[in-house]
């Protein structure tokens, strides 16, 4: 769970997840373009690629290759234990 919190701590990574939520299955170029146009984030492709690697390591982003292109998809699975733990009445722990 620590990797998920680390990944979510950065505002650029949260913006990337917002963009993938709005339109899943984007290439690095598409993500960079949307971050510039919608969020004013002028980070380099290399910087965005590093952010995507952190998100992928946390399990929040999955990738799929088609030829030369690598498509990025959001994966909300790692967020479910967090939601269950703190937001679900039945998920509350007594320890």
PDB file of N, CA and C in Angstrom:
ATOM      1  N   UNK A   1       0.819  -1.185   0.000  1.00  0.00           N
ATOM      2  CA  UNK A   1       0.000   0.000   0.000  1.00  0.00           C
ATOM      3  C   UNK A   1       0.870   1.260   0.000  1.00  0.00           C
ATOM      4  N   UNK A   2       2.083   1.162   0.539  1.00  0.00           N
ATOM      5  CA  UNK A   2       2.977   2.306   0.584  1.00  0.00           C
ATOM      6  C   UNK A   2       3.329   2.836  -0.795  1.00  0.00           C
ATOM      7  N   UNK A   3       3.513   1.924  -1.768  1.00  0.00           N
ATOM      8  CA  UNK A   3       3.815   2.352  -3.134  1.00  0.00           C
ATOM      9  C   UNK A   3       2.662   3.155  -3.733  1.00  0.00           C
ATOM     10  N   UNK A   4       1.449   2.774  -3.397  1.00  0.00           N
ATOM     11  CA  UNK A   4       0.277   3.479  -3.916  1.00  0.00           C
ATOM     12  C   UNK A   4       0.243   4.901  -3.363  1.00  0.00           C
ATOM     13  N   UNK A   5       0.470   5.047  -2.045  1.00  0.00           N
ATOM     14  CA  UNK A   5       0.471   6.380  -1.451  1.00  0.00           C
ATOM     15  C   UNK A   5       1.606   7.234  -2.012  1.00  0.00           C
ATOM     16  N   UNK A   6       2.770   6.632  -2.205  1.00  0.00           N
ATOM     17  CA  UNK A   6       3.899   7.369  -2.783  1.00  0.00           C
ATOM     18  C   UNK A   6       3.547   7.846  -4.189  1.00  0.00           C
ATOM     19  N   UNK A   7       2.934   6.976  -4.968  1.00  0.00           N
ATOM     20  CA  UNK A   7       2.562   7.334  -6.339  1.00  0.00           C
ATOM     21  C   UNK A   7       1.525   8.444  -6.357  1.00  0.00           C
ATOM     22  N   UNK A   8       0.585   8.406  -5.438  1.00  0.00           N
ATOM     23  CA  UNK A   8      -0.485   9.405  -5.403  1.00  0.00           C
ATOM     24  C   UNK A   8      -0.050  10.727  -4.780  1.00  0.00           C
ATOM     25  N   UNK A   9       1.096  10.754  -4.123  1.00  0.00           N
ATOM     26  CA  UNK A   9       1.558  11.963  -3.439  1.00  0.00           C
ATOM     27  C   UNK A   9       1.952  13.073  -4.404  1.00  0.00           C
ATOM     28  N   UNK A  10       2.318  12.710  -5.625  1.00  0.00           N
ATOM     29  CA  UNK A  10       2.799  13.699  -6.581  1.00  0.00           C
ATOM     30  C   UNK A  10       1.657  14.237  -7.441  1.00  0.00           C
ATOM     31  N   UNK A  11       1.524  15.571  -7.548  1.00  0.00           N
ATOM     32  CA  UNK A  11       0.422  16.131  -8.334  1.00  0.00           C
ATOM     33  C   UNK A  11       0.487  15.803  -9.823  1.00  0.00           C
ATOM     34  N   UNK A  12       1.668  15.655 -10.373  1.00  0.00           N
ATOM     35  CA  UNK A  12       1.783  15.285 -11.790  1.00  0.00           C
ATOM     36  C   UNK A  12       1.253  13.879 -12.019  1.00  0.00           C
ATOM     37  N   UNK A  13       1.573  12.975 -11.107  1.00  0.00           N
ATOM     38  CA  UNK A  13       1.072  11.599 -11.252  1.00  0.00           C
ATOM     39  C   UNK A  13      -0.445  11.555 -11.089  1.00  0.00           C
ATOM     40  N   UNK A  14      -0.983  12.378 -10.192  1.00  0.00           N
ATOM     41  CA  UNK A  14      -2.448  12.435 -10.060  1.00  0.00           C
ATOM     42  C   UNK A  14      -3.074  12.982 -11.337  1.00  0.00           C
ATOM     43  N   UNK A  15      -2.430  13.957 -11.963  1.00  0.00           N
ATOM     44  CA  UNK A  15      -2.945  14.497 -13.236  1.00  0.00           C
ATOM     45  C   UNK A  15      -2.910  13.429 -14.324  1.00  0.00           C
ATOM     46  N   UNK A  16      -1.853  12.618 -14.342  1.00  0.00           N
ATOM     47  CA  UNK A  16      -1.765  11.521 -15.316  1.00  0.00           C
ATOM     48  C   UNK A  16      -2.924  10.553 -15.101  1.00  0.00           C
ATOM     49  N   UNK A  17      -3.193  10.201 -13.858  1.00  0.00           N
ATOM     50  CA  UNK A  17      -4.310   9.293 -13.570  1.00  0.00           C
ATOM     51  C   UNK A  17      -5.646   9.925 -13.956  1.00  0.00           C
ATOM     52  N   UNK A  18      -5.784  11.233 -13.724  1.00  0.00           N
ATOM     53  CA  UNK A  18      -7.006  11.925 -14.150  1.00  0.00           C
ATOM     54  C   UNK A  18      -7.195  11.803 -15.656  1.00  0.00           C
ATOM     55  N   UNK A  19      -6.115  11.991 -16.390  1.00  0.00           N
ATOM     56  CA  UNK A  19      -6.198  11.904 -17.854  1.00  0.00           C
ATOM     57  C   UNK A  19      -6.520  10.483 -18.308  1.00  0.00           C
ATOM     58  N   UNK A  20      -5.943   9.491 -17.657  1.00  0.00           N
ATOM     59  CA  UNK A  20      -6.238   8.104 -18.028  1.00  0.00           C
ATOM     60  C   UNK A  20      -7.657   7.711 -17.618  1.00  0.00           C
ATOM     61  N   UNK A  21      -8.175   8.342 -16.575  1.00  0.00           N
ATOM     62  CA  UNK A  21      -9.564   8.091 -16.187  1.00  0.00           C
ATOM     63  C   UNK A  21     -10.498   8.654 -17.238  1.00  0.00           C
ATOM     64  N   UNK A  22     -10.157   9.836 -17.724  1.00  0.00           N
ATOM     65  CA  UNK A  22     -10.989  10.481 -18.739  1.00  0.00           C
ATOM     66  C   UNK A  22     -10.901   9.773 -20.086  1.00  0.00           C
ATOM     67  N   UNK A  23      -9.700   9.328 -20.438  1.00  0.00           N
ATOM     68  CA  UNK A  23      -9.504   8.644 -21.722  1.00  0.00           C
ATOM     69  C   UNK A  23      -8.414   7.588 -21.543  1.00  0.00           C
ATOM     70  N   UNK A  24      -8.827   6.363 -21.348  1.00  0.00           N
ATOM     71  CA  UNK A  24      -7.911   5.258 -21.075  1.00  0.00           C
ATOM     72  C   UNK A  24      -7.200   4.812 -22.351  1.00  0.00           C
ATOM     73  N   UNK A  25      -6.020   4.225 -22.200  1.00  0.00           N
ATOM     74  CA  UNK A  25      -5.304   3.642 -23.330  1.00  0.00           C
ATOM     75  C   UNK A  25      -4.550   4.664 -24.160  1.00  0.00           C
ATOM     76  N   UNK A  26      -3.810   5.553 -23.514  1.00  0.00           N
ATOM     77  CA  UNK A  26      -3.070   6.584 -24.232  1.00  0.00           C
ATOM     78  C   UNK A  26      -1.593   6.238 -24.343  1.00  0.00           C
ATOM     79  N   UNK A  27      -0.975   6.772 -25.387  1.00  0.00           N
ATOM     80  CA  UNK A  27       0.479   6.653 -25.546  1.00  0.00           C
ATOM     81  C   UNK A  27       1.144   7.754 -24.725  1.00  0.00           C
ATOM     82  N   UNK A  28       2.457   7.649 -24.573  1.00  0.00           N
ATOM     83  CA  UNK A  28       3.215   8.670 -23.863  1.00  0.00           C
ATOM     84  C   UNK A  28       3.024  10.036 -24.514  1.00  0.00           C
ATOM     85  N   UNK A  29       3.069  10.089 -25.840  1.00  0.00           N
ATOM     86  CA  UNK A  29       2.891  11.343 -26.558  1.00  0.00           C
ATOM     87  C   UNK A  29       1.531  11.960 -26.250  1.00  0.00           C
ATOM     88  N   UNK A  30       0.484  11.139 -26.272  1.00  0.00           N
ATOM     89  CA  UNK A  30      -0.862  11.643 -25.990  1.00  0.00           C
ATOM     90  C   UNK A  30      -0.974  12.179 -24.568  1.00  0.00           C
ATOM     91  N   UNK A  31      -0.394  11.455 -23.625  1.00  0.00           N
ATOM     92  CA  UNK A  31      -0.440  11.895 -22.228  1.00  0.00           C
ATOM     93  C   UNK A  31       0.287  13.226 -22.074  1.00  0.00           C
ATOM     94  N   UNK A  32       1.473  13.330 -22.652  1.00  0.00           N
ATOM     95  CA  UNK A  32       2.238  14.587 -22.576  1.00  0.00           C
ATOM     96  C   UNK A  32       1.455  15.749 -23.168  1.00  0.00           C
ATOM     97  N   UNK A  33       0.829  15.526 -24.305  1.00  0.00           N
ATOM     98  CA  UNK A  33       0.051  16.566 -24.974  1.00  0.00           C
ATOM     99  C   UNK A  33      -1.113  17.022 -24.107  1.00  0.00           C
ATOM    100  N   UNK A  34      -1.828  16.080 -23.531  1.00  0.00           N
ATOM    101  CA  UNK A  34      -2.975  16.420 -22.687  1.00  0.00           C
ATOM    102  C   UNK A  34      -2.539  17.148 -21.417  1.00  0.00           C
ATOM    103  N   UNK A  35      -1.395  16.755 -20.851  1.00  0.00           N
ATOM    104  CA  UNK A  35      -0.902  17.424 -19.648  1.00  0.00           C
ATOM    105  C   UNK A  35      -0.526  18.872 -19.938  1.00  0.00           C
ATOM    106  N   UNK A  36       0.040  19.105 -21.105  1.00  0.00           N
ATOM    107  CA  UNK A  36       0.394  20.476 -21.493  1.00  0.00           C
ATOM    108  C   UNK A  36      -0.870  21.302 -21.731  1.00  0.00           C
ATOM    109  N   UNK A  37      -1.777  20.769 -22.533  1.00  0.00           N
ATOM    110  CA  UNK A  37      -2.972  21.519 -22.931  1.00  0.00           C
ATOM    111  C   UNK A  37      -3.964  21.741 -21.791  1.00  0.00           C
ATOM    112  N   UNK A  38      -4.186  20.748 -20.959  1.00  0.00           N
ATOM    113  CA  UNK A  38      -5.228  20.844 -19.942  1.00  0.00           C
ATOM    114  C   UNK A  38      -4.717  21.290 -18.580  1.00  0.00           C
ATOM    115  N   UNK A  39      -3.450  20.975 -18.278  1.00  0.00           N
ATOM    116  CA  UNK A  39      -2.928  21.249 -16.934  1.00  0.00           C
ATOM    117  C   UNK A  39      -1.761  22.235 -16.936  1.00  0.00           C
ATOM    118  N   UNK A  40      -1.297  22.613 -18.105  1.00  0.00           N
ATOM    119  CA  UNK A  40      -0.169  23.526 -18.189  1.00  0.00           C
ATOM    120  C   UNK A  40       1.137  22.933 -17.700  1.00  0.00           C
ATOM    121  N   UNK A  41       1.223  21.610 -17.670  1.00  0.00           N
ATOM    122  CA  UNK A  41       2.441  20.926 -17.216  1.00  0.00           C
ATOM    123  C   UNK A  41       3.371  20.716 -18.401  1.00  0.00           C
ATOM    124  N   UNK A  42       4.474  21.404 -18.418  1.00  0.00           N
ATOM    125  CA  UNK A  42       5.415  21.309 -19.525  1.00  0.00           C
ATOM    126  C   UNK A  42       6.569  20.380 -19.234  1.00  0.00           C
ATOM    127  N   UNK A  43       6.324  19.274 -18.562  1.00  0.00           N
ATOM    128  CA  UNK A  43       7.387  18.314 -18.244  1.00  0.00           C
ATOM    129  C   UNK A  43       7.866  17.621 -19.513  1.00  0.00           C
ATOM    130  N   UNK A  44       9.115  17.198 -19.496  1.00  0.00           N
ATOM    131  CA  UNK A  44       9.671  16.478 -20.644  1.00  0.00           C
ATOM    132  C   UNK A  44       9.039  15.097 -20.757  1.00  0.00           C
ATOM    133  N   UNK A  45       9.168  14.516 -21.935  1.00  0.00           N
ATOM    134  CA  UNK A  45       8.657  13.148 -22.138  1.00  0.00           C
ATOM    135  C   UNK A  45       9.354  12.188 -21.185  1.00  0.00           C
ATOM    136  N   UNK A  46      10.641  12.411 -20.958  1.00  0.00           N
ATOM    137  CA  UNK A  46      11.397  11.543 -20.047  1.00  0.00           C
ATOM    138  C   UNK A  46      10.843  11.640 -18.622  1.00  0.00           C
ATOM    139  N   UNK A  47      10.525  12.852 -18.181  1.00  0.00           N
ATOM    140  CA  UNK A  47       9.974  13.034 -16.839  1.00  0.00           C
ATOM    141  C   UNK A  47       8.614  12.346 -16.709  1.00  0.00           C
ATOM    142  N   UNK A  48       7.768  12.501 -17.721  1.00  0.00           N
ATOM    143  CA  UNK A  48       6.446  11.853 -17.693  1.00  0.00           C
ATOM    144  C   UNK A  48       6.606  10.339 -17.727  1.00  0.00           C
ATOM    145  N   UNK A  49       7.571   9.869 -18.497  1.00  0.00           N
ATOM    146  CA  UNK A  49       7.851   8.436 -18.559  1.00  0.00           C
ATOM    147  C   UNK A  49       8.270   7.910 -17.185  1.00  0.00           C
ATOM    148  N   UNK A  50       9.059   8.682 -16.458  1.00  0.00           N
ATOM    149  CA  UNK A  50       9.462   8.275 -15.106  1.00  0.00           C
ATOM    150  C   UNK A  50       8.263   8.265 -14.160  1.00  0.00           C
ATOM    151  N   UNK A  51       7.381   9.237 -14.292  1.00  0.00           N
ATOM    152  CA  UNK A  51       6.157   9.249 -13.479  1.00  0.00           C
ATOM    153  C   UNK A  51       5.300   8.025 -13.795  1.00  0.00           C
ATOM    154  N   UNK A  52       5.198   7.680 -15.074  1.00  0.00           N
ATOM    155  CA  UNK A  52       4.431   6.494 -15.467  1.00  0.00           C
ATOM    156  C   UNK A  52       5.046   5.226 -14.891  1.00  0.00           C
ATOM    157  N   UNK A  53       6.374   5.178 -14.808  1.00  0.00           N
ATOM    158  CA  UNK A  53       7.049   4.011 -14.233  1.00  0.00           C
ATOM    159  C   UNK A  53       6.701   3.862 -12.753  1.00  0.00           C
ATOM    160  N   UNK A  54       6.641   4.970 -12.020  1.00  0.00           N
ATOM    161  CA  UNK A  54       6.260   4.922 -10.604  1.00  0.00           C
ATOM    162  C   UNK A  54       4.817   4.426 -10.470  1.00  0.00           C
ATOM    163  N   UNK A  55       3.940   4.942 -11.318  1.00  0.00           N
ATOM    164  CA  UNK A  55       2.542   4.506 -11.298  1.00  0.00           C
ATOM    165  C   UNK A  55       2.412   3.024 -11.657  1.00  0.00           C
ATOM    166  N   UNK A  56       3.225   2.584 -12.598  1.00  0.00           N
ATOM    167  CA  UNK A  56       3.200   1.172 -12.988  1.00  0.00           C
ATOM    168  C   UNK A  56       3.738   0.293 -11.866  1.00  0.00           C
ATOM    169  N   UNK A  57       4.809   0.729 -11.211  1.00  0.00           N
ATOM    170  CA  UNK A  57       5.363  -0.036 -10.082  1.00  0.00           C
ATOM    171  C   UNK A  57       4.349  -0.174  -8.941  1.00  0.00           C
ATOM    172  N   UNK A  58       3.506   0.847  -8.775  1.00  0.00           N
ATOM    173  CA  UNK A  58       2.472   0.813  -7.738  1.00  0.00           C
ATOM    174  C   UNK A  58       1.242   0.029  -8.182  1.00  0.00           C
ATOM    175  N   UNK A  59       1.222  -0.387  -9.448  1.00  0.00           N
ATOM    176  CA  UNK A  59       0.094  -1.154  -9.966  1.00  0.00           C
ATOM    177  C   UNK A  59      -1.067  -0.296 -10.435  1.00  0.00           C
ATOM    178  N   UNK A  60      -0.903   1.027 -10.427  1.00  0.00           N
ATOM    179  CA  UNK A  60      -1.990   1.923 -10.816  1.00  0.00           C
ATOM    180  C   UNK A  60      -2.100   2.110 -12.323  1.00  0.00           C
ATOM    181  N   UNK A  61      -1.048   1.760 -13.045  1.00  0.00           N
ATOM    182  CA  UNK A  61      -1.041   1.846 -14.506  1.00  0.00           C
ATOM    183  C   UNK A  61      -0.530   0.524 -15.054  1.00  0.00           C
ATOM    184  N   UNK A  62      -1.196   0.047 -16.080  1.00  0.00           N
ATOM    185  CA  UNK A  62      -0.758  -1.149 -16.805  1.00  0.00           C
ATOM    186  C   UNK A  62      -0.493  -0.735 -18.240  1.00  0.00           C
ATOM    187  N   UNK A  63       0.437  -1.439 -18.890  1.00  0.00           N
ATOM    188  CA  UNK A  63       0.780  -1.089 -20.264  1.00  0.00           C
ATOM    189  C   UNK A  63       0.513  -2.254 -21.198  1.00  0.00           C
ATOM    190  N   UNK A  64       0.297  -1.878 -22.455  1.00  0.00           N
ATOM    191  CA  UNK A  64       0.064  -2.855 -23.523  1.00  0.00           C
ATOM    192  C   UNK A  64       0.816  -2.356 -24.746  1.00  0.00           C
ATOM    193  N   UNK A  65       1.565  -3.229 -25.376  1.00  0.00           N
ATOM    194  CA  UNK A  65       2.315  -2.859 -26.573  1.00  0.00           C
ATOM    195  C   UNK A  65       1.590  -3.321 -27.824  1.00  0.00           C
ATOM    196  N   UNK A  66       1.594  -2.427 -28.805  1.00  0.00           N
ATOM    197  CA  UNK A  66       1.112  -2.750 -30.151  1.00  0.00           C
ATOM    198  C   UNK A  66       2.136  -2.187 -31.114  1.00  0.00           C
ATOM    199  N   UNK A  67       2.964  -3.048 -31.661  1.00  0.00           N
ATOM    200  CA  UNK A  67       4.021  -2.587 -32.556  1.00  0.00           C
ATOM    201  C   UNK A  67       4.961  -1.666 -31.820  1.00  0.00           C
ATOM    202  N   UNK A  68       5.152  -0.468 -32.352  1.00  0.00           N
ATOM    203  CA  UNK A  68       6.045   0.506 -31.730  1.00  0.00           C
ATOM    204  C   UNK A  68       5.388   1.260 -30.591  1.00  0.00           C
ATOM    205  N   UNK A  69       4.093   1.131 -30.456  1.00  0.00           N
ATOM    206  CA  UNK A  69       3.359   1.946 -29.493  1.00  0.00           C
ATOM    207  C   UNK A  69       3.113   1.210 -28.188  1.00  0.00           C
ATOM    208  N   UNK A  70       3.183   1.968 -27.101  1.00  0.00           N
ATOM    209  CA  UNK A  70       2.922   1.448 -25.769  1.00  0.00           C
ATOM    210  C   UNK A  70       1.732   2.234 -25.216  1.00  0.00           C
ATOM    211  N   UNK A  71       0.672   1.532 -24.917  1.00  0.00           N
ATOM    212  CA  UNK A  71      -0.550   2.156 -24.428  1.00  0.00           C
ATOM    213  C   UNK A  71      -0.652   1.986 -22.913  1.00  0.00           C
ATOM    214  N   UNK A  72      -1.055   3.047 -22.249  1.00  0.00           N
ATOM    215  CA  UNK A  72      -1.138   3.069 -20.792  1.00  0.00           C
ATOM    216  C   UNK A  72      -2.607   3.035 -20.369  1.00  0.00           C
ATOM    217  N   UNK A  73      -2.892   2.164 -19.412  1.00  0.00           N
ATOM    218  CA  UNK A  73      -4.258   1.974 -18.928  1.00  0.00           C
ATOM    219  C   UNK A  73      -4.276   2.117 -17.410  1.00  0.00           C
ATOM    220  N   UNK A  74      -5.301   2.775 -16.907  1.00  0.00           N
ATOM    221  CA  UNK A  74      -5.437   2.919 -15.459  1.00  0.00           C
ATOM    222  C   UNK A  74      -5.922   1.596 -14.871  1.00  0.00           C
ATOM    223  N   UNK A  75      -5.438   1.290 -13.673  1.00  0.00           N
ATOM    224  CA  UNK A  75      -5.864   0.104 -12.936  1.00  0.00           C
ATOM    225  C   UNK A  75      -6.236   0.571 -11.532  1.00  0.00           C
ATOM    226  N   UNK A  76      -7.501   0.533 -11.202  1.00  0.00           N
ATOM    227  CA  UNK A  76      -7.957   1.005  -9.897  1.00  0.00           C
ATOM    228  C   UNK A  76      -7.897  -0.079  -8.819  1.00  0.00           C
ATOM    229  N   UNK A  77      -7.510  -1.268  -9.184  1.00  0.00           N
ATOM    230  CA  UNK A  77      -7.437  -2.370  -8.228  1.00  0.00           C
ATOM    231  C   UNK A  77      -6.667  -2.063  -6.956  1.00  0.00           C
ATOM    232  N   UNK A  78      -5.472  -1.439  -7.060  1.00  0.00           N
ATOM    233  CA  UNK A  78      -4.724  -1.134  -5.833  1.00  0.00           C
ATOM    234  C   UNK A  78      -5.410  -0.114  -4.916  1.00  0.00           C
ATOM    235  N   UNK A  79      -6.394   0.603  -5.417  1.00  0.00           N
ATOM    236  CA  UNK A  79      -7.115   1.576  -4.582  1.00  0.00           C
ATOM    237  C   UNK A  79      -8.226   0.920  -3.765  1.00  0.00           C
ATOM    238  N   UNK A  80      -8.678  -0.242  -4.173  1.00  0.00           N
ATOM    239  CA  UNK A  80      -9.798  -0.893  -3.506  1.00  0.00           C
ATOM    240  C   UNK A  80      -9.537  -1.194  -2.025  1.00  0.00           C
ATOM    241  N   UNK A  81      -8.350  -1.708  -1.646  1.00  0.00           N
ATOM    242  CA  UNK A  81      -8.115  -1.936  -0.214  1.00  0.00           C
ATOM    243  C   UNK A  81      -8.150  -0.643   0.605  1.00  0.00           C
ATOM    244  N   UNK A  82      -7.726   0.465   0.006  1.00  0.00           N
ATOM    245  CA  UNK A  82      -7.744   1.751   0.705  1.00  0.00           C
ATOM    246  C   UNK A  82      -9.182   2.192   0.929  1.00  0.00           C
ATOM    247  N   UNK A  83      -9.996   2.093  -0.113  1.00  0.00           N
ATOM    248  CA  UNK A  83     -11.403   2.476  -0.011  1.00  0.00           C
ATOM    249  C   UNK A  83     -12.111   1.583   0.996  1.00  0.00           C
ATOM    250  N   UNK A  84     -11.863   0.304   0.922  1.00  0.00           N
ATOM    251  CA  UNK A  84     -12.499  -0.641   1.835  1.00  0.00           C
ATOM    252  C   UNK A  84     -12.093  -0.353   3.277  1.00  0.00           C
ATOM    253  N   UNK A  85     -10.829  -0.060   3.467  1.00  0.00           N
ATOM    254  CA  UNK A  85     -10.315   0.143   4.821  1.00  0.00           C
ATOM    255  C   UNK A  85     -10.893   1.393   5.476  1.00  0.00           C
ATOM    256  N   UNK A  86     -10.953   2.508   4.736  1.00  0.00           N
ATOM    257  CA  UNK A  86     -11.305   3.769   5.365  1.00  0.00           C
ATOM    258  C   UNK A  86     -12.665   4.329   4.983  1.00  0.00           C
ATOM    259  N   UNK A  87     -13.223   3.915   3.895  1.00  0.00           N
ATOM    260  CA  UNK A  87     -14.480   4.515   3.463  1.00  0.00           C
ATOM    261  C   UNK A  87     -15.680   3.584   3.564  1.00  0.00           C
ATOM    262  N   UNK A  88     -15.440   2.312   3.664  1.00  0.00           N
ATOM    263  CA  UNK A  88     -16.533   1.355   3.758  1.00  0.00           C
ATOM    264  C   UNK A  88     -16.836   1.072   5.233  1.00  0.00           C
ATOM    265  N   UNK A  89     -18.098   1.182   5.650  1.00  0.00           N
ATOM    266  CA  UNK A  89     -18.433   0.916   7.061  1.00  0.00           C
ATOM    267  C   UNK A  89     -18.054  -0.500   7.486  1.00  0.00           C
ATOM    268  N   UNK A  90     -18.141  -1.467   6.605  1.00  0.00           N
ATOM    269  CA  UNK A  90     -17.813  -2.846   6.950  1.00  0.00           C
ATOM    270  C   UNK A  90     -16.309  -3.095   6.918  1.00  0.00           C
ATOM    271  N   UNK A  91     -15.547  -2.205   6.346  1.00  0.00           N
ATOM    272  CA  UNK A  91     -14.111  -2.396   6.235  1.00  0.00           C
ATOM    273  C   UNK A  91     -13.329  -1.853   7.412  1.00  0.00           C
ATOM    274  N   UNK A  92     -14.002  -1.256   8.355  1.00  0.00           N
ATOM    275  CA  UNK A  92     -13.313  -0.655   9.509  1.00  0.00           C
ATOM    276  C   UNK A  92     -12.672  -1.738  10.358  1.00  0.00           C
ATOM    277  N   UNK A  93     -11.456  -1.451  10.742  1.00  0.00           N
ATOM    278  CA  UNK A  93     -10.725  -2.398  11.579  1.00  0.00           C
ATOM    279  C   UNK A  93     -10.820  -1.969  13.038  1.00  0.00           C
ATOM    280  N   UNK A  94     -10.744  -2.952  13.889  1.00  0.00           N
ATOM    281  CA  UNK A  94     -10.791  -2.662  15.319  1.00  0.00           C
ATOM    282  C   UNK A  94      -9.410  -2.729  15.942  1.00  0.00           C
ATOM    283  N   UNK A  95      -8.394  -3.029  15.164  1.00  0.00           N
ATOM    284  CA  UNK A  95      -7.039  -3.146  15.718  1.00  0.00           C
ATOM    285  C   UNK A  95      -6.325  -1.833  15.737  1.00  0.00           C
TER     286      UNK A  95
END
